[in-house]
Each structure stands twice: as structure tokens, then as C-alpha cells.
N, C-alpha and C. Protein backbone atom coordinates (compact mmCIF):
# COMPACT_ATOMS: atom_id res chain seq x y z
N UNK A 1 139.21 121.00 66.93
CA UNK A 1 138.01 121.86 67.58
C UNK A 1 136.79 122.40 67.88
N UNK A 2 136.54 121.57 66.79
CA UNK A 2 134.54 121.02 67.39
C UNK A 2 134.36 119.76 67.92
N UNK A 3 135.59 119.01 67.40
CA UNK A 3 135.78 117.33 68.39
C UNK A 3 135.27 117.82 70.27
N UNK A 4 136.34 119.75 70.88
CA UNK A 4 135.65 119.56 71.74
C UNK A 4 135.13 120.74 72.10
N UNK A 5 134.25 121.52 71.24
CA UNK A 5 132.71 121.96 71.74
C UNK A 5 131.60 120.53 71.85
N UNK A 6 132.32 119.19 71.17
CA UNK A 6 130.76 118.62 70.75
C UNK A 6 131.00 117.66 71.88
N UNK A 7 132.32 117.34 72.76
CA UNK A 7 132.54 116.85 73.81
C UNK A 7 132.44 117.79 75.50
N UNK A 8 131.72 119.34 75.13
CA UNK A 8 131.67 120.41 76.09
C UNK A 8 129.98 119.90 75.70
N UNK A 9 129.30 119.61 74.48
CA UNK A 9 127.59 119.93 74.23
C UNK A 9 126.83 118.74 74.99
N UNK A 10 127.87 117.55 74.87
CA UNK A 10 127.87 116.32 76.00
C UNK A 10 127.77 116.20 77.27
N UNK A 11 128.59 116.99 77.17
CA UNK A 11 128.67 117.16 78.86
C UNK A 11 128.10 118.22 79.85
N UNK A 12 127.63 119.06 78.18
CA UNK A 12 126.61 119.92 79.23
C UNK A 12 124.94 119.31 78.90
N UNK A 13 124.98 118.33 78.95
CA UNK A 13 123.64 117.45 77.58
C UNK A 13 123.12 117.00 79.02
N UNK A 14 124.05 116.08 79.22
CA UNK A 14 124.63 115.17 80.95
C UNK A 14 123.83 115.04 81.87
N UNK A 15 124.84 117.15 82.40
CA UNK A 15 124.71 117.51 83.76
C UNK A 15 122.97 118.04 83.55
N UNK A 16 122.56 118.69 82.40
CA UNK A 16 120.94 118.95 81.83
C UNK A 16 120.19 117.49 83.22
N UNK A 17 119.74 116.07 81.87
CA UNK A 17 119.40 115.18 82.13
C UNK A 17 120.07 114.86 83.40
N UNK A 18 121.18 114.80 84.30
CA UNK A 18 121.05 114.19 86.09
C UNK A 18 120.33 115.53 86.74
N UNK A 19 120.22 116.64 86.10
CA UNK A 19 119.48 117.75 86.81
C UNK A 19 117.70 117.15 86.87
N UNK A 20 117.08 116.92 85.71
CA UNK A 20 116.15 116.30 85.67
C UNK A 20 115.53 115.33 86.33
N UNK A 21 116.21 114.38 86.44
CA UNK A 21 115.92 113.17 86.54
C UNK A 21 115.74 113.15 88.17
N UNK A 22 116.80 113.91 89.16
CA UNK A 22 117.33 113.93 90.54
C UNK A 22 115.03 115.10 90.53
N UNK A 23 115.02 115.59 89.87
CA UNK A 23 113.99 116.43 89.95
C UNK A 23 112.53 116.39 89.76
N UNK A 24 112.95 114.43 89.05
CA UNK A 24 111.69 113.64 88.64
C UNK A 24 112.01 113.20 89.67
N UNK A 25 112.64 112.19 90.37
CA UNK A 25 112.75 111.67 91.26
C UNK A 25 112.57 111.65 93.42
N UNK A 26 112.83 113.51 93.03
CA UNK A 26 111.96 114.21 93.98
C UNK A 26 110.90 114.05 94.57
N UNK A 27 110.61 114.15 93.14
CA UNK A 27 108.99 115.49 93.13
C UNK A 27 108.33 113.32 93.37
N UNK A 28 108.61 112.58 93.01
CA UNK A 28 107.75 111.08 93.04
C UNK A 28 107.97 110.50 94.51
N UNK A 29 108.69 111.27 95.53
CA UNK A 29 108.52 110.46 97.03
C UNK A 29 107.84 111.34 98.05
N UNK A 30 107.42 112.06 97.52
CA UNK A 30 106.76 113.05 98.28
C UNK A 30 105.14 112.97 98.55
N UNK A 31 105.15 112.56 100.34
CA UNK A 31 102.82 112.05 100.22
C UNK A 31 102.27 112.04 99.77
N UNK A 32 101.41 110.94 98.71
CA UNK A 32 100.89 110.89 98.31
C UNK A 32 99.68 111.46 98.79
N UNK A 33 98.33 111.89 97.99
CA UNK A 33 97.48 112.94 98.40
C UNK A 33 95.84 112.03 97.93
N UNK A 34 95.21 111.50 98.15
CA UNK A 34 94.16 110.85 98.70
C UNK A 34 93.18 111.73 98.00
N UNK A 35 92.79 111.26 97.50
CA UNK A 35 90.90 112.29 96.59
C UNK A 35 89.74 111.29 98.01
N UNK A 36 89.53 112.53 99.22
CA UNK A 36 88.14 111.81 99.70
C UNK A 36 89.40 111.24 101.22
N UNK A 37 88.30 110.67 102.21
CA UNK A 37 89.72 110.84 103.59
C UNK A 37 90.03 109.91 103.01
N UNK A 38 91.28 109.64 103.85
CA UNK A 38 92.42 108.07 103.60
C UNK A 38 92.98 108.07 104.95
N UNK A 39 93.15 106.79 105.60
CA UNK A 39 93.52 106.33 106.65
C UNK A 39 94.65 106.19 106.16
N UNK A 40 95.74 106.62 106.64
CA UNK A 40 96.95 105.65 106.66
C UNK A 40 98.06 105.95 108.41
N UNK A 41 98.46 104.69 108.36
CA UNK A 41 98.38 104.53 109.98
C UNK A 41 100.14 104.17 109.59
N UNK A 42 100.85 104.89 110.72
CA UNK A 42 102.63 104.05 110.62
C UNK A 42 102.68 102.61 110.35
N UNK A 43 101.54 102.07 111.46
CA UNK A 43 102.23 101.22 111.30
C UNK A 43 101.10 100.08 111.72
N UNK A 44 100.78 98.94 111.24
CA UNK A 44 99.65 98.12 111.85
C UNK A 44 99.97 96.49 112.70
N UNK A 45 101.01 97.00 112.71
CA UNK A 45 100.90 95.39 113.98
C UNK A 45 101.64 96.17 115.36
N UNK A 46 101.51 96.08 116.27
CA UNK A 46 103.05 96.06 117.20
C UNK A 46 102.96 94.61 117.55
N UNK A 47 104.66 94.66 118.04
CA UNK A 47 104.99 93.93 118.39
C UNK A 47 105.62 94.01 120.51
N UNK A 48 104.64 93.20 121.23
CA UNK A 48 104.58 93.35 123.12
C UNK A 48 105.97 92.24 123.38
N UNK A 49 106.38 91.82 122.18
CA UNK A 49 107.98 91.04 121.94
C UNK A 49 106.97 89.76 123.69
N UNK A 50 108.60 89.23 124.04
CA UNK A 50 108.45 88.60 125.24
C UNK A 50 108.06 88.80 127.17
N UNK A 51 106.82 88.65 126.99
CA UNK A 51 105.61 88.61 127.89
C UNK A 51 105.76 88.16 128.94
N UNK A 52 105.45 88.63 130.35
CA UNK A 52 104.97 87.80 132.05
C UNK A 52 103.38 87.61 131.47
N UNK A 53 102.98 86.79 132.56
CA UNK A 53 101.51 86.75 132.45
C UNK A 53 101.05 87.28 133.57
N UNK A 54 99.64 87.92 133.88
CA UNK A 54 98.71 88.87 134.63
C UNK A 54 99.50 89.55 134.80
N UNK A 55 99.91 90.32 133.17
CA UNK A 55 100.59 91.86 133.33
C UNK A 55 99.57 92.85 131.87
N UNK A 56 99.77 94.29 132.35
CA UNK A 56 99.78 95.18 131.40
C UNK A 56 100.64 95.72 130.93
N UNK A 57 100.23 96.02 129.62
CA UNK A 57 101.25 96.19 128.24
C UNK A 57 100.56 96.95 127.76
N UNK A 58 101.24 98.17 127.09
CA UNK A 58 100.02 99.33 127.08
C UNK A 58 100.96 99.20 125.44
N UNK A 59 100.53 100.04 124.92
CA UNK A 59 100.54 100.21 122.62
C UNK A 59 99.79 101.29 122.49
N UNK A 60 100.32 101.13 121.06
CA UNK A 60 99.72 102.37 120.60
C UNK A 60 100.02 102.49 118.35
N UNK A 61 98.80 103.32 117.96
CA UNK A 61 99.15 102.86 116.60
C UNK A 61 98.73 104.51 116.15
N UNK A 62 99.43 105.31 115.48
CA UNK A 62 99.65 106.64 115.12
C UNK A 62 98.49 106.90 113.78
N UNK A 63 98.13 107.33 113.25
CA UNK A 63 96.86 107.11 111.56
C UNK A 63 96.59 108.49 111.56
N UNK A 64 96.93 108.89 110.12
CA UNK A 64 96.97 110.09 109.50
C UNK A 64 95.64 110.62 108.22
N UNK A 65 94.87 111.53 108.74
CA UNK A 65 93.88 111.69 107.28
C UNK A 65 95.32 112.30 106.60
N UNK A 66 95.74 111.59 104.99
CA UNK A 66 96.74 111.76 104.40
C UNK A 66 95.54 112.10 102.93
N UNK A 67 93.71 112.35 103.13
CA UNK A 67 93.45 112.64 101.97
C UNK A 67 93.07 113.92 101.62
N UNK A 68 92.31 113.90 101.14
CA UNK A 68 91.93 115.45 100.94
C UNK A 68 90.32 116.35 101.29
N UNK A 69 89.13 114.90 101.86
CA UNK A 69 88.61 115.26 102.84
C UNK A 69 87.92 114.71 104.68
N UNK A 70 87.32 115.43 104.64
CA UNK A 70 87.13 115.07 105.98
C UNK A 70 87.31 113.31 106.30
N UNK A 71 88.55 112.63 107.29
CA UNK A 71 87.87 111.36 107.67
C UNK A 71 87.35 111.30 109.04
N UNK A 72 86.51 110.37 109.51
CA UNK A 72 85.22 110.04 110.65
C UNK A 72 85.08 109.26 111.10
N UNK A 73 86.15 108.65 111.66
CA UNK A 73 86.43 107.27 112.58
C UNK A 73 85.38 106.96 113.30
N UNK A 74 84.38 105.77 112.32
CA UNK A 74 83.12 105.20 113.12
C UNK A 74 82.93 103.70 114.10
N UNK A 75 84.06 103.32 113.86
CA UNK A 75 84.11 102.86 115.04
C UNK A 75 85.02 101.56 115.20
N UNK A 76 85.63 101.23 116.84
CA UNK A 76 87.51 101.20 116.96
C UNK A 76 86.66 99.66 117.95
N UNK A 77 87.57 98.57 117.83
CA UNK A 77 87.04 97.39 118.38
C UNK A 77 88.21 96.36 118.36
N UNK A 78 88.29 95.63 119.62
CA UNK A 78 89.19 94.97 120.07
C UNK A 78 88.55 93.46 119.38
N UNK A 79 90.05 92.28 119.85
CA UNK A 79 88.88 91.40 119.19
C UNK A 79 88.42 90.38 120.35
N UNK A 80 88.32 90.68 121.51
CA UNK A 80 89.23 89.81 122.74
C UNK A 80 89.52 91.09 123.79
N UNK A 81 88.53 90.61 125.30
CA UNK A 81 88.09 91.46 126.59
C UNK A 81 89.44 91.53 127.21
N UNK A 82 90.56 91.31 127.09
CA UNK A 82 91.44 91.21 126.69
C UNK A 82 92.01 91.83 126.50
N UNK A 83 91.89 92.74 125.95
CA UNK A 83 92.62 94.50 124.91
C UNK A 83 91.95 95.45 125.65
N UNK A 84 91.52 96.32 125.59
CA UNK A 84 91.24 97.46 126.06
C UNK A 84 91.56 98.31 124.92
N UNK A 85 90.85 99.01 123.73
CA UNK A 85 91.41 100.45 123.47
C UNK A 85 90.67 101.38 123.67
N UNK A 86 91.25 102.67 123.03
CA UNK A 86 91.40 104.21 123.36
C UNK A 86 91.32 105.30 122.06
N UNK A 87 89.97 105.68 121.57
CA UNK A 87 90.00 105.93 119.59
C UNK A 87 90.60 106.79 120.03
N UNK A 88 90.94 107.88 120.55
CA UNK A 88 91.23 109.13 119.89
C UNK A 88 90.73 109.97 119.23
N UNK A 89 91.05 110.88 117.98
CA UNK A 89 89.95 111.95 118.35
C UNK A 89 88.29 111.13 116.62
N UNK A 90 87.74 111.12 116.87
CA UNK A 90 86.74 110.79 115.82
C UNK A 90 86.47 111.30 114.78
N UNK A 91 87.03 112.02 114.59
CA UNK A 91 87.21 113.33 112.97
C UNK A 91 88.36 113.68 113.38
N UNK A 92 89.08 114.16 112.17
CA UNK A 92 90.26 113.97 111.88
C UNK A 92 90.39 114.75 110.40
N UNK A 93 90.52 116.70 109.67
CA UNK A 93 90.89 117.28 108.32
C UNK A 93 91.71 116.97 107.82
N UNK A 94 92.16 116.55 107.02
CA UNK A 94 92.27 116.10 105.71
C UNK A 94 94.06 116.80 106.60
N UNK A 95 95.86 115.71 106.49
CA UNK A 95 96.66 115.76 107.30
C UNK A 95 96.61 115.97 108.58
N UNK A 96 95.86 115.83 109.55
CA UNK A 96 96.15 115.82 110.44
C UNK A 96 96.41 114.70 111.20
N UNK A 97 96.59 114.00 112.55
CA UNK A 97 97.00 112.45 113.31
C UNK A 97 96.32 112.35 114.16
N UNK A 98 95.93 111.18 115.08
CA UNK A 98 96.02 110.92 115.80
C UNK A 98 96.42 109.72 116.29
N UNK A 99 95.33 109.37 117.17
CA UNK A 99 96.15 107.91 118.05
C UNK A 99 95.09 107.10 119.30
N UNK A 100 95.76 106.17 118.78
CA UNK A 100 94.88 104.80 119.14
C UNK A 100 95.45 104.34 120.21
N UNK A 101 95.04 104.59 121.17
CA UNK A 101 96.12 103.90 122.59
C UNK A 101 94.93 102.47 123.28
N UNK A 102 95.91 101.09 123.59
CA UNK A 102 95.80 100.41 124.07
C UNK A 102 96.12 99.98 125.35
N UNK A 103 95.54 99.37 126.32
CA UNK A 103 96.12 98.25 126.90
C UNK A 103 96.16 96.61 126.96
N UNK A 104 97.22 95.77 127.67
CA UNK A 104 96.67 94.89 126.48
C UNK A 104 96.76 94.14 127.98
N UNK A 105 97.01 92.70 128.03
CA UNK A 105 96.26 92.06 130.17
C UNK A 105 96.82 90.37 129.76
N UNK A 106 97.73 90.50 129.64
CA UNK A 106 98.19 88.87 130.03
C UNK A 106 96.79 87.45 130.60
N UNK A 107 96.83 88.13 131.92
CA UNK A 107 96.75 87.69 132.08
C UNK A 107 96.47 85.70 132.57
N UNK A 108 96.20 84.95 132.69
CA UNK A 108 96.96 84.02 132.74
C UNK A 108 96.67 82.66 131.11
N UNK A 109 97.22 83.72 130.23
CA UNK A 109 98.00 83.38 128.78
C UNK A 109 99.50 82.28 128.34
N UNK A 110 99.25 81.36 127.93
CA UNK A 110 100.64 81.10 127.39
C UNK A 110 100.81 80.76 126.01
N UNK A 111 101.78 80.99 125.85
CA UNK A 111 102.68 81.22 124.35
C UNK A 111 102.09 82.61 123.33
N UNK A 112 102.52 81.95 122.20
CA UNK A 112 102.10 82.90 121.46
C UNK A 112 101.08 83.62 121.37
N UNK A 113 100.63 84.56 121.02
CA UNK A 113 99.15 85.09 120.89
C UNK A 113 99.09 86.07 120.38
N UNK A 114 98.51 86.58 119.66
CA UNK A 114 98.03 87.87 118.75
C UNK A 114 96.37 88.21 118.89
N UNK A 115 96.22 89.60 118.75
CA UNK A 115 94.91 89.93 119.28
C UNK A 115 94.53 90.82 118.05
N UNK A 116 93.56 91.38 117.85
CA UNK A 116 93.27 92.28 116.22
C UNK A 116 92.52 93.15 116.72
N UNK A 117 92.80 94.13 115.66
CA UNK A 117 91.74 95.14 116.68
C UNK A 117 91.10 96.65 115.25
N UNK A 118 89.87 96.36 115.32
CA UNK A 118 89.39 96.63 113.84
C UNK A 118 88.91 98.25 114.35
N UNK A 119 89.33 98.80 113.03
CA UNK A 119 89.04 100.26 112.41
C UNK A 119 88.00 100.59 111.44
N UNK A 120 87.45 100.78 111.67
CA UNK A 120 85.82 101.30 110.78
C UNK A 120 85.69 103.06 110.61
N UNK A 121 86.60 103.64 109.48
CA UNK A 121 85.98 104.70 108.96
C UNK A 121 84.89 104.99 107.75
N UNK A 122 85.43 106.17 107.25
CA UNK A 122 84.68 106.39 106.04
C UNK A 122 85.73 106.54 104.82
N UNK A 123 86.96 105.30 105.25
CA UNK A 123 88.16 106.21 104.29
C UNK A 123 87.08 105.34 102.79
N UNK A 124 86.94 105.69 101.53
CA UNK A 124 86.57 104.40 100.37
C UNK A 124 87.11 104.02 100.44
N UNK A 125 88.73 103.39 100.59
CA UNK A 125 89.63 102.40 100.40
C UNK A 125 89.31 101.38 100.85
N UNK A 126 89.47 102.06 102.36
CA UNK A 126 89.80 101.32 103.39
C UNK A 126 88.46 100.93 104.87
N UNK A 127 87.63 100.88 103.90
CA UNK A 127 86.42 101.45 105.25
C UNK A 127 86.44 100.57 106.58
N UNK A 128 87.92 98.94 106.36
CA UNK A 128 87.99 98.31 108.02
C UNK A 128 89.60 98.46 107.10
N UNK A 129 90.05 98.67 108.86
CA UNK A 129 92.05 98.43 108.51
C UNK A 129 92.18 98.10 110.30
N UNK A 130 92.90 96.25 110.03
CA UNK A 130 93.70 95.18 110.76
C UNK A 130 94.41 95.80 111.76
N UNK A 131 94.37 95.93 113.14
CA UNK A 131 95.46 96.11 113.70
C UNK A 131 96.39 95.27 114.74
N UNK A 132 97.33 94.62 114.69
CA UNK A 132 97.44 93.19 115.45
C UNK A 132 98.54 94.08 116.41
N UNK A 133 97.76 93.43 117.06
CA UNK A 133 99.35 93.27 118.24
C UNK A 133 99.78 91.62 118.74
N UNK A 134 101.13 91.44 118.87
CA UNK A 134 102.02 90.69 119.36
C UNK A 134 102.46 90.53 119.87
N UNK A 135 102.25 88.70 120.84
CA UNK A 135 103.20 88.85 121.88
C UNK A 135 103.48 87.16 122.18
N UNK A 136 104.27 86.99 122.85
CA UNK A 136 104.38 85.33 123.40
C UNK A 136 104.77 85.91 124.86
N UNK A 137 103.38 85.42 125.10
CA UNK A 137 103.46 84.81 126.44
C UNK A 137 104.48 83.90 127.87
N UNK A 138 104.73 84.00 129.04
CA UNK A 138 105.68 83.32 129.00
C UNK A 138 105.27 82.60 130.83
N UNK A 139 104.69 81.46 130.65
CA UNK A 139 104.71 81.46 132.29
C UNK A 139 104.82 81.80 132.83
N UNK A 140 104.04 82.22 134.12
CA UNK A 140 104.73 82.76 135.80
C UNK A 140 105.03 81.50 136.36
N UNK A 141 106.17 81.54 137.41
CA UNK A 141 107.12 80.79 137.58
C UNK A 141 106.36 80.58 139.09
N UNK A 142 107.07 79.65 139.50
CA UNK A 142 105.91 79.34 141.02
C UNK A 142 106.81 79.26 142.12
């Protein structure tokens, strides 16, 4: 009889521990909110893949203010005139998202090519984020 009660208590204790661990695991998977402004990108690289010469290829990067204060986008610049960017919203409140859209002009380039976009903000942890556009440009057939 006592053995059955001990066994039941161990089972109940096991269930309680399992529930506690499950709650703890769910709590740790929630999105982190940073103190002050914080810029978070969905990705920092965009792969155009294999593309042809003399083409126009669009891309976009989505970002969110995951901080507790207003995020200000101070500057957005591309590393080359072959990459034109539109900066989206300059001011984002906590939880708001925006997009940096752009066009890459492949011109007469050949082979593997990487272009960079610099995004400067008032995020104290990430004053500048570098985004990359990757491509392999195939030579036009004559």
C-alpha cells in the first residue's frame, strides 16, 4: 500500500516537473525586447543566384524595431552605383517594421559579385549593419 502511494507521488512529481520545464522552455522562446532602440533584420544576405548581364534585379530586406524606444534610420548607402536602394521609413516605434528595397543592375559584370549596403541607425548595439547582395553573373551569349 505504501509502495503504491510512493509510486503515485513520484508520477505526480514527474508530471509537475514536466509542466514546469515546458513552461520554462516556452518562456525562453519569446522574442527578446531590448532596452532602447534595436534594429533586427529578417536576413542580412540576399542571394540573386545566377543572373544575366545587363539586367535589373530587385531585392528587399525587412527590419523591425525590437527595442523599447524609437528607432531612427540615419543613413542607407550602397557600395556601388550599380545598386540603387530605397530606404523605407526613417522612424519606427517599438514593434514596427519597414523595408529596404532596391535594384541591382548587372551591367557588364561577370562571375561572382557581392555588393554591400550600409544601414546606420541610433541602435546603440548596432550603429551600422551591413547587408549583402550576392550573385553569379553569367556572360551574355553573342
